[in-house]
Amino acid sequence: MSETPLPALVDSHCHLDFPDFDGQQAELVARARAAGVTRMVTICTRMGNEPRVRAIAEAHPGVFYAAGIHPMYAAEEPAVTVEELVALAAHPKFVGIGETGLDYHYTAESAAVQAESLRIHIEAARRTGLPLIIHSRDADADMARILTEEHRAGAYSCVMHCYTSGPELARAALDLGFYLSMSGIAAFPRSTEIREIFLAAPRDRILVETDAPYLAPPPHRGKRNEPAFVAHTARAGAKALGLSEAEFAALTSANFDRLFAKAAA
């Protein structure tokens, strides 16, 4: 009797258009499938790159895409309009708005521009019904304030991608009905506090991702990350939550389908 295959995993956030992967997308997708990762969302971080990211999604079954302006680029990129983001949502494989957010670690000097860009992306998420994809680094208080203010002005859905911020921002996001996404950082031996945040979160609000080509989990830490490696993070996530690997895969896939309903359909 053959073993029952594990439920398929989803890499909810990767960057297949980055130079690290030039000309290798087909091999990356094939390796991901071999590892049980059947779907992935490749994220555009500069609007000028949107056609290339879209083409990657169009070329590969199970690959979807999102687009926005990463906060670190908000001051150097032309501002995107709500209407431009809403227009992209007509594409059948366009499933999310962003990534957007606040990054005060590297680009605190552009905080005002980042906040303005973030609010534009939030309005696009509100109008389209697609989930907002948030990057937040060293900006917990401002991020919690803006997300809460905007949610009071009109509901929207959201995932805090690669969550490594503090418990206060996690609580604020979860109180708004948002999701937290677990990256390879959560699999690092010293990431106890991050694992505790996920352990305290509602089970139906957890996703898993690679953020490839960055943040490879053990045993590939320090090397180029790729969607296949989400299986390693899922293994660590299952252990942290006291679940079997099959239960964690089924849980995070169901959560992905609920948030990224367009990809599920």
C-alpha atoms as a PDB file:
ATOM      1  CA  MET A   1       0.000   0.000   0.000  1.00  0.00           C
ATOM      2  CA  SER A   2       1.408   3.393  -0.986  1.00  0.00           C
ATOM      3  CA  GLU A   3       1.723   6.204   1.545  1.00  0.00           C
ATOM      4  CA  THR A   4      -0.957   8.858   1.551  1.00  0.00           C
ATOM      5  CA  PRO A   5       0.559  11.995  -0.017  1.00  0.00           C
ATOM      6  CA  LEU A   6       0.756  15.116   2.124  1.00  0.00           C
ATOM      7  CA  PRO A   7      -1.724  17.902   1.348  1.00  0.00           C
ATOM      8  CA  ALA A   8      -0.210  20.364  -1.085  1.00  0.00           C
ATOM      9  CA  LEU A   9       1.678  23.360   0.286  1.00  0.00           C
ATOM     10  CA  VAL A  10       1.397  26.945  -0.926  1.00  0.00           C
ATOM     11  CA  ASP A  11       4.281  29.421  -1.023  1.00  0.00           C
ATOM     12  CA  SER A  12       2.264  32.569  -0.389  1.00  0.00           C
ATOM     13  CA  HIS A  13       5.120  34.999  -1.114  1.00  0.00           C
ATOM     14  CA  CYS A  14       8.155  34.723  -3.402  1.00  0.00           C
ATOM     15  CA  HIS A  15       9.937  36.806  -6.038  1.00  0.00           C
ATOM     16  CA  LEU A  16      10.427  34.699  -9.154  1.00  0.00           C
ATOM     17  CA  ASP A  17      11.346  37.729 -11.284  1.00  0.00           C
ATOM     18  CA  PHE A  18      14.433  38.622  -9.260  1.00  0.00           C
ATOM     19  CA  PRO A  19      17.842  38.366 -11.011  1.00  0.00           C
ATOM     20  CA  ASP A  20      18.790  35.390  -8.792  1.00  0.00           C
ATOM     21  CA  PHE A  21      16.323  33.302 -10.827  1.00  0.00           C
ATOM     22  CA  ASP A  22      16.926  34.604 -14.361  1.00  0.00           C
ATOM     23  CA  GLY A  23      16.027  31.934 -16.904  1.00  0.00           C
ATOM     24  CA  GLN A  24      15.406  29.318 -14.179  1.00  0.00           C
ATOM     25  CA  GLN A  25      11.700  29.761 -13.463  1.00  0.00           C
ATOM     26  CA  ALA A  26      10.647  26.476 -15.076  1.00  0.00           C
ATOM     27  CA  GLU A  27      13.176  24.523 -13.020  1.00  0.00           C
ATOM     28  CA  LEU A  28      12.159  26.355  -9.834  1.00  0.00           C
ATOM     29  CA  VAL A  29       8.498  25.523 -10.369  1.00  0.00           C
ATOM     30  CA  ALA A  30       9.345  21.896 -11.143  1.00  0.00           C
ATOM     31  CA  ARG A  31      11.430  21.532  -7.970  1.00  0.00           C
ATOM     32  CA  ALA A  32       8.656  23.141  -5.954  1.00  0.00           C
ATOM     33  CA  ARG A  33       6.108  20.653  -7.288  1.00  0.00           C
ATOM     34  CA  ALA A  34       8.435  17.777  -6.490  1.00  0.00           C
ATOM     35  CA  ALA A  35       8.572  19.081  -2.889  1.00  0.00           C
ATOM     36  CA  GLY A  36       4.774  19.251  -2.672  1.00  0.00           C
ATOM     37  CA  VAL A  37       4.503  23.002  -3.260  1.00  0.00           C
ATOM     38  CA  THR A  38       1.851  23.185  -5.959  1.00  0.00           C
ATOM     39  CA  ARG A  39       0.975  26.895  -5.850  1.00  0.00           C
ATOM     40  CA  MET A  40       2.880  30.107  -5.264  1.00  0.00           C
ATOM     41  CA  VAL A  41       2.366  33.862  -5.437  1.00  0.00           C
ATOM     42  CA  THR A  42       5.192  35.793  -7.065  1.00  0.00           C
ATOM     43  CA  ILE A  43       5.327  39.390  -5.861  1.00  0.00           C
ATOM     44  CA  CYS A  44       6.158  42.474  -7.932  1.00  0.00           C
ATOM     45  CA  THR A  45       7.908  45.189  -5.890  1.00  0.00           C
ATOM     46  CA  ARG A  46       8.274  47.901  -8.563  1.00  0.00           C
ATOM     47  CA  MET A  47       5.460  48.714 -10.958  1.00  0.00           C
ATOM     48  CA  GLY A  48       7.838  48.886 -13.907  1.00  0.00           C
ATOM     49  CA  ASN A  49       8.481  45.169 -13.430  1.00  0.00           C
ATOM     50  CA  GLU A  50       4.789  44.209 -13.488  1.00  0.00           C
ATOM     51  CA  PRO A  51       4.747  42.962 -17.119  1.00  0.00           C
ATOM     52  CA  ARG A  52       7.632  40.594 -16.399  1.00  0.00           C
ATOM     53  CA  VAL A  53       6.052  39.263 -13.207  1.00  0.00           C
ATOM     54  CA  ARG A  54       2.726  38.831 -14.991  1.00  0.00           C
ATOM     55  CA  ALA A  55       4.429  36.879 -17.783  1.00  0.00           C
ATOM     56  CA  ILE A  56       5.947  34.459 -15.274  1.00  0.00           C
ATOM     57  CA  ALA A  57       2.522  33.811 -13.745  1.00  0.00           C
ATOM     58  CA  GLU A  58       0.970  33.345 -17.178  1.00  0.00           C
ATOM     59  CA  ALA A  59       3.643  30.836 -18.186  1.00  0.00           C
ATOM     60  CA  HIS A  60       3.255  28.447 -15.239  1.00  0.00           C
ATOM     61  CA  PRO A  61       0.151  26.701 -13.901  1.00  0.00           C
ATOM     62  CA  GLY A  62      -0.226  27.237 -10.179  1.00  0.00           C
ATOM     63  CA  VAL A  63       1.768  30.482 -10.196  1.00  0.00           C
ATOM     64  CA  PHE A  64      -0.172  33.644  -9.356  1.00  0.00           C
ATOM     65  CA  TYR A  65       1.017  37.203  -8.879  1.00  0.00           C
ATOM     66  CA  ALA A  66       0.540  40.444  -6.980  1.00  0.00           C
ATOM     67  CA  ALA A  67       1.969  43.894  -7.593  1.00  0.00           C
ATOM     68  CA  GLY A  68       2.724  47.087  -5.737  1.00  0.00           C
ATOM     69  CA  ILE A  69       5.573  49.342  -4.656  1.00  0.00           C
ATOM     70  CA  HIS A  70       7.787  48.033  -1.866  1.00  0.00           C
ATOM     71  CA  PRO A  71       8.174  50.676   0.855  1.00  0.00           C
ATOM     72  CA  MET A  72      11.929  50.820   0.391  1.00  0.00           C
ATOM     73  CA  TYR A  73      11.328  51.973  -3.197  1.00  0.00           C
ATOM     74  CA  ALA A  74       8.419  54.328  -2.475  1.00  0.00           C
ATOM     75  CA  ALA A  75      10.564  57.477  -2.626  1.00  0.00           C
ATOM     76  CA  GLU A  76      12.374  56.558  -5.833  1.00  0.00           C
ATOM     77  CA  GLU A  77       9.515  55.049  -7.879  1.00  0.00           C
ATOM     78  CA  PRO A  78       6.718  57.050  -9.520  1.00  0.00           C
ATOM     79  CA  ALA A  79       3.680  56.839  -7.241  1.00  0.00           C
ATOM     80  CA  VAL A  80       1.123  54.256  -8.310  1.00  0.00           C
ATOM     81  CA  THR A  81      -2.529  55.256  -8.400  1.00  0.00           C
ATOM     82  CA  VAL A  82      -5.484  53.382  -6.974  1.00  0.00           C
ATOM     83  CA  GLU A  83      -6.898  53.180 -10.496  1.00  0.00           C
ATOM     84  CA  GLU A  84      -3.728  51.536 -11.853  1.00  0.00           C
ATOM     85  CA  LEU A  85      -3.828  48.857  -9.173  1.00  0.00           C
ATOM     86  CA  VAL A  86      -7.545  48.283  -9.626  1.00  0.00           C
ATOM     87  CA  ALA A  87      -7.041  47.844 -13.384  1.00  0.00           C
ATOM     88  CA  LEU A  88      -4.497  45.067 -12.773  1.00  0.00           C
ATOM     89  CA  ALA A  89      -7.121  43.118 -10.831  1.00  0.00           C
ATOM     90  CA  ALA A  90      -8.882  42.304 -14.096  1.00  0.00           C
ATOM     91  CA  HIS A  91      -6.154  39.761 -14.845  1.00  0.00           C
ATOM     92  CA  PRO A  92      -7.232  36.254 -13.799  1.00  0.00           C
ATOM     93  CA  LYS A  93      -3.896  35.514 -12.117  1.00  0.00           C
ATOM     94  CA  PHE A  94      -3.602  38.829 -10.242  1.00  0.00           C
ATOM     95  CA  VAL A  95      -4.563  37.887  -6.691  1.00  0.00           C
ATOM     96  CA  GLY A  96      -3.196  40.504  -4.264  1.00  0.00           C
ATOM     97  CA  ILE A  97      -2.226  44.162  -3.760  1.00  0.00           C
ATOM     98  CA  GLY A  98       1.409  44.821  -2.817  1.00  0.00           C
ATOM     99  CA  GLU A  99       3.766  44.316  -1.350  1.00  0.00           C
ATOM    100  CA  THR A 100       3.481  47.644   0.352  1.00  0.00           C
ATOM    101  CA  GLY A 101       4.063  48.825   3.894  1.00  0.00           C
ATOM    102  CA  LEU A 102       6.620  50.628   6.035  1.00  0.00           C
ATOM    103  CA  ASP A 103      10.356  50.015   6.375  1.00  0.00           C
ATOM    104  CA  TYR A 104      12.147  52.248   8.880  1.00  0.00           C
ATOM    105  CA  HIS A 105      15.193  49.967   9.117  1.00  0.00           C
ATOM    106  CA  TYR A 106      16.740  51.100   5.842  1.00  0.00           C
ATOM    107  CA  THR A 107      14.523  53.941   4.621  1.00  0.00           C
ATOM    108  CA  ALA A 108      13.140  55.807   7.652  1.00  0.00           C
ATOM    109  CA  GLU A 109      13.826  59.131   5.925  1.00  0.00           C
ATOM    110  CA  SER A 110      10.994  58.403   3.462  1.00  0.00           C
ATOM    111  CA  ALA A 111       8.429  57.531   6.140  1.00  0.00           C
ATOM    112  CA  ALA A 112       5.877  60.089   4.946  1.00  0.00           C
ATOM    113  CA  VAL A 113       6.076  58.913   1.335  1.00  0.00           C
ATOM    114  CA  GLN A 114       5.826  55.294   2.452  1.00  0.00           C
ATOM    115  CA  ALA A 115       2.690  56.033   4.466  1.00  0.00           C
ATOM    116  CA  GLU A 116       1.071  57.805   1.522  1.00  0.00           C
ATOM    117  CA  SER A 117       1.892  54.873  -0.759  1.00  0.00           C
ATOM    118  CA  LEU A 118       0.567  52.409   1.815  1.00  0.00           C
ATOM    119  CA  ARG A 119      -2.768  54.207   1.987  1.00  0.00           C
ATOM    120  CA  ILE A 120      -3.084  54.103  -1.820  1.00  0.00           C
ATOM    121  CA  HIS A 121      -2.544  50.340  -1.780  1.00  0.00           C
ATOM    122  CA  ILE A 122      -5.067  49.919   1.034  1.00  0.00           C
ATOM    123  CA  GLU A 123      -7.724  51.744  -0.980  1.00  0.00           C
ATOM    124  CA  ALA A 124      -6.998  49.485  -3.967  1.00  0.00           C
ATOM    125  CA  ALA A 125      -7.381  46.426  -1.733  1.00  0.00           C
ATOM    126  CA  ARG A 126     -10.647  47.830  -0.433  1.00  0.00           C
ATOM    127  CA  ARG A 127     -12.024  48.444  -3.950  1.00  0.00           C
ATOM    128  CA  THR A 128     -10.924  45.139  -5.457  1.00  0.00           C
ATOM    129  CA  GLY A 129     -11.596  42.856  -2.491  1.00  0.00           C
ATOM    130  CA  LEU A 130      -8.095  41.411  -2.972  1.00  0.00           C
ATOM    131  CA  PRO A 131      -5.822  40.957   0.050  1.00  0.00           C
ATOM    132  CA  LEU A 132      -3.258  43.590   0.934  1.00  0.00           C
ATOM    133  CA  ILE A 133       0.302  42.231   1.292  1.00  0.00           C
ATOM    134  CA  ILE A 134       2.232  44.091   4.002  1.00  0.00           C
ATOM    135  CA  HIS A 135       5.975  44.458   4.597  1.00  0.00           C
ATOM    136  CA  SER A 136       6.719  45.975   8.010  1.00  0.00           C
ATOM    137  CA  ARG A 137      10.145  46.494   9.535  1.00  0.00           C
ATOM    138  CA  ASP A 138      10.996  48.610  12.586  1.00  0.00           C
ATOM    139  CA  ALA A 139       7.698  50.491  12.181  1.00  0.00           C
ATOM    140  CA  ASP A 140       5.340  48.616  14.495  1.00  0.00           C
ATOM    141  CA  ALA A 141       3.535  51.585  16.074  1.00  0.00           C
ATOM    142  CA  ASP A 142       2.940  53.497  12.835  1.00  0.00           C
ATOM    143  CA  MET A 143       1.934  50.309  11.025  1.00  0.00           C
ATOM    144  CA  ALA A 144      -0.630  49.355  13.660  1.00  0.00           C
ATOM    145  CA  ARG A 145      -2.019  52.904  13.672  1.00  0.00           C
ATOM    146  CA  ILE A 146      -2.399  53.194   9.889  1.00  0.00           C
ATOM    147  CA  LEU A 147      -3.860  49.720   9.408  1.00  0.00           C
ATOM    148  CA  THR A 148      -6.383  50.359  12.185  1.00  0.00           C
ATOM    149  CA  GLU A 149      -7.328  53.861  10.995  1.00  0.00           C
ATOM    150  CA  GLU A 150      -7.859  52.612   7.466  1.00  0.00           C
ATOM    151  CA  HIS A 151      -9.844  49.570   8.558  1.00  0.00           C
ATOM    152  CA  ARG A 152     -12.220  51.834  10.470  1.00  0.00           C
ATOM    153  CA  ALA A 153     -12.691  53.844   7.270  1.00  0.00           C
ATOM    154  CA  GLY A 154     -13.618  50.692   5.333  1.00  0.00           C
ATOM    155  CA  ALA A 155     -12.839  47.015   5.761  1.00  0.00           C
ATOM    156  CA  TYR A 156     -10.192  45.180   3.736  1.00  0.00           C
ATOM    157  CA  SER A 157      -8.273  41.913   4.055  1.00  0.00           C
ATOM    158  CA  CYS A 158      -4.552  41.681   4.653  1.00  0.00           C
ATOM    159  CA  VAL A 159      -1.555  39.440   5.303  1.00  0.00           C
ATOM    160  CA  MET A 160       1.469  40.559   7.303  1.00  0.00           C
ATOM    161  CA  HIS A 161       4.076  38.850   5.159  1.00  0.00           C
ATOM    162  CA  CYS A 162       7.251  37.360   6.666  1.00  0.00           C
ATOM    163  CA  TYR A 163       6.084  38.295  10.144  1.00  0.00           C
ATOM    164  CA  THR A 164       9.032  39.120  12.407  1.00  0.00           C
ATOM    165  CA  SER A 165       7.686  42.158  14.251  1.00  0.00           C
ATOM    166  CA  GLY A 166       6.617  42.283  17.869  1.00  0.00           C
ATOM    167  CA  PRO A 167       3.612  40.785  19.644  1.00  0.00           C
ATOM    168  CA  GLU A 168       1.791  44.145  19.855  1.00  0.00           C
ATOM    169  CA  LEU A 169       1.615  44.589  16.061  1.00  0.00           C
ATOM    170  CA  ALA A 170       0.642  40.933  15.715  1.00  0.00           C
ATOM    171  CA  ARG A 171      -2.261  41.437  18.116  1.00  0.00           C
ATOM    172  CA  ALA A 172      -3.358  44.600  16.315  1.00  0.00           C
ATOM    173  CA  ALA A 173      -3.326  42.833  12.956  1.00  0.00           C
ATOM    174  CA  LEU A 174      -5.104  39.751  14.252  1.00  0.00           C
ATOM    175  CA  ASP A 175      -7.743  41.914  15.964  1.00  0.00           C
ATOM    176  CA  LEU A 176      -8.518  43.380  12.532  1.00  0.00           C
ATOM    177  CA  GLY A 177      -9.002  39.879  11.120  1.00  0.00           C
ATOM    178  CA  PHE A 178      -5.667  39.872   9.282  1.00  0.00           C
ATOM    179  CA  TYR A 179      -3.286  36.968   8.684  1.00  0.00           C
ATOM    180  CA  LEU A 180       0.368  36.384   9.672  1.00  0.00           C
ATOM    181  CA  SER A 181       2.728  34.628   7.283  1.00  0.00           C
ATOM    182  CA  MET A 182       5.566  32.440   8.543  1.00  0.00           C
ATOM    183  CA  SER A 183       8.887  32.643   6.695  1.00  0.00           C
ATOM    184  CA  GLY A 184      12.131  30.713   7.011  1.00  0.00           C
ATOM    185  CA  ILE A 185      13.135  33.021   9.877  1.00  0.00           C
ATOM    186  CA  ALA A 186      10.621  31.191  12.063  1.00  0.00           C
ATOM    187  CA  ALA A 187      12.639  28.016  11.498  1.00  0.00           C
ATOM    188  CA  PHE A 188      15.896  29.543  12.792  1.00  0.00           C
ATOM    189  CA  PRO A 189      16.900  28.008  16.145  1.00  0.00           C
ATOM    190  CA  ARG A 190      16.954  31.362  17.977  1.00  0.00           C
ATOM    191  CA  SER A 191      13.572  32.577  16.664  1.00  0.00           C
ATOM    192  CA  THR A 192      11.701  31.464  19.780  1.00  0.00           C
ATOM    193  CA  GLU A 193       9.783  34.757  20.143  1.00  0.00           C
ATOM    194  CA  ILE A 194       8.539  34.590  16.553  1.00  0.00           C
ATOM    195  CA  ARG A 195       7.378  31.005  16.979  1.00  0.00           C
ATOM    196  CA  GLU A 196       5.555  32.039  20.170  1.00  0.00           C
ATOM    197  CA  ILE A 197       3.671  34.728  18.241  1.00  0.00           C
ATOM    198  CA  PHE A 198       2.454  32.140  15.749  1.00  0.00           C
ATOM    199  CA  LEU A 199       1.601  29.724  18.552  1.00  0.00           C
ATOM    200  CA  ALA A 200      -0.603  32.421  20.127  1.00  0.00           C
ATOM    201  CA  ALA A 201      -2.301  33.307  16.827  1.00  0.00           C
ATOM    202  CA  PRO A 202      -5.625  31.799  15.749  1.00  0.00           C
ATOM    203  CA  ARG A 203      -4.887  28.686  13.713  1.00  0.00           C
ATOM    204  CA  ASP A 204      -7.079  29.899  10.862  1.00  0.00           C
ATOM    205  CA  ARG A 205      -4.951  33.018  10.365  1.00  0.00           C
ATOM    206  CA  ILE A 206      -1.515  31.499   9.588  1.00  0.00           C
ATOM    207  CA  LEU A 207       0.156  31.266   6.168  1.00  0.00           C
ATOM    208  CA  VAL A 208       3.588  30.025   5.133  1.00  0.00           C
ATOM    209  CA  GLU A 209       6.031  31.486   2.593  1.00  0.00           C
ATOM    210  CA  THR A 210       9.631  31.603   1.447  1.00  0.00           C
ATOM    211  CA  ASP A 211      10.191  35.262   0.442  1.00  0.00           C
ATOM    212  CA  ALA A 212      12.589  33.626  -2.026  1.00  0.00           C
ATOM    213  CA  PRO A 213      15.338  34.329  -2.934  1.00  0.00           C
ATOM    214  CA  TYR A 214      15.793  35.580   0.651  1.00  0.00           C
ATOM    215  CA  LEU A 215      15.658  34.002   4.123  1.00  0.00           C
ATOM    216  CA  ALA A 216      16.232  30.335   3.348  1.00  0.00           C
ATOM    217  CA  PRO A 217      15.285  28.066   6.257  1.00  0.00           C
ATOM    218  CA  PRO A 218      17.625  25.434   7.675  1.00  0.00           C
ATOM    219  CA  PRO A 219      19.238  23.324   6.267  1.00  0.00           C
ATOM    220  CA  HIS A 220      19.729  25.909   3.478  1.00  0.00           C
ATOM    221  CA  ARG A 221      20.237  28.978   5.679  1.00  0.00           C
ATOM    222  CA  GLY A 222      22.572  31.498   4.104  1.00  0.00           C
ATOM    223  CA  LYS A 223      21.981  30.137   0.612  1.00  0.00           C
ATOM    224  CA  ARG A 224      19.576  31.229  -2.092  1.00  0.00           C
ATOM    225  CA  ASN A 225      16.013  30.436  -1.098  1.00  0.00           C
ATOM    226  CA  GLU A 226      13.433  28.992  -3.510  1.00  0.00           C
ATOM    227  CA  PRO A 227       9.770  27.946  -3.315  1.00  0.00           C
ATOM    228  CA  ALA A 228      10.590  24.247  -2.776  1.00  0.00           C
ATOM    229  CA  PHE A 229      12.135  25.174   0.579  1.00  0.00           C
ATOM    230  CA  VAL A 230       8.763  26.217   2.013  1.00  0.00           C
ATOM    231  CA  ALA A 231       8.501  22.537   2.933  1.00  0.00           C
ATOM    232  CA  HIS A 232      11.301  23.037   5.491  1.00  0.00           C
ATOM    233  CA  THR A 233       9.563  26.034   7.047  1.00  0.00           C
ATOM    234  CA  ALA A 234       6.305  24.068   7.128  1.00  0.00           C
ATOM    235  CA  ARG A 235       8.051  21.272   8.997  1.00  0.00           C
ATOM    236  CA  ALA A 236       9.307  23.746  11.611  1.00  0.00           C
ATOM    237  CA  GLY A 237       5.904  25.407  11.776  1.00  0.00           C
ATOM    238  CA  ALA A 238       4.161  22.109  12.361  1.00  0.00           C
ATOM    239  CA  LYS A 239       6.524  21.326  15.226  1.00  0.00           C
ATOM    240  CA  ALA A 240       6.022  24.764  16.798  1.00  0.00           C
ATOM    241  CA  LEU A 241       2.228  24.441  16.663  1.00  0.00           C
ATOM    242  CA  GLY A 242       2.150  20.826  17.797  1.00  0.00           C
ATOM    243  CA  LEU A 243       0.699  19.634  14.492  1.00  0.00           C
ATOM    244  CA  SER A 244       1.665  16.881  12.107  1.00  0.00           C
ATOM    245  CA  GLU A 245       3.227  18.012   8.831  1.00  0.00           C
ATOM    246  CA  ALA A 246       0.056  16.932   7.026  1.00  0.00           C
ATOM    247  CA  GLU A 247      -2.109  18.963   9.403  1.00  0.00           C
ATOM    248  CA  PHE A 248       0.068  22.059   8.981  1.00  0.00           C
ATOM    249  CA  ALA A 249       0.006  21.743   5.189  1.00  0.00           C
ATOM    250  CA  ALA A 250      -3.767  21.351   5.149  1.00  0.00           C
ATOM    251  CA  LEU A 251      -4.232  24.230   7.598  1.00  0.00           C
ATOM    252  CA  THR A 252      -2.074  26.772   5.782  1.00  0.00           C
ATOM    253  CA  SER A 253      -3.465  25.788   2.385  1.00  0.00           C
ATOM    254  CA  ALA A 254      -7.041  26.237   3.621  1.00  0.00           C
ATOM    255  CA  ASN A 255      -6.093  29.599   5.121  1.00  0.00           C
ATOM    256  CA  PHE A 256      -4.498  30.659   1.839  1.00  0.00           C
ATOM    257  CA  ASP A 257      -7.638  29.695  -0.070  1.00  0.00           C
ATOM    258  CA  ARG A 258      -9.786  31.751   2.302  1.00  0.00           C
ATOM    259  CA  LEU A 259      -7.618  34.877   2.034  1.00  0.00           C
ATOM    260  CA  PHE A 260      -6.545  34.542  -1.594  1.00  0.00           C
ATOM    261  CA  ALA A 261      -9.979  33.417  -2.737  1.00  0.00           C
ATOM    262  CA  LYS A 262      -9.297  34.391  -6.350  1.00  0.00           C
ATOM    263  CA  ALA A 263      -6.369  31.962  -6.495  1.00  0.00           C
ATOM    264  CA  ALA A 264      -8.506  29.244  -4.930  1.00  0.00           C
ATOM    265  CA  ALA A 265     -11.186  29.750  -7.589  1.00  0.00           C
END
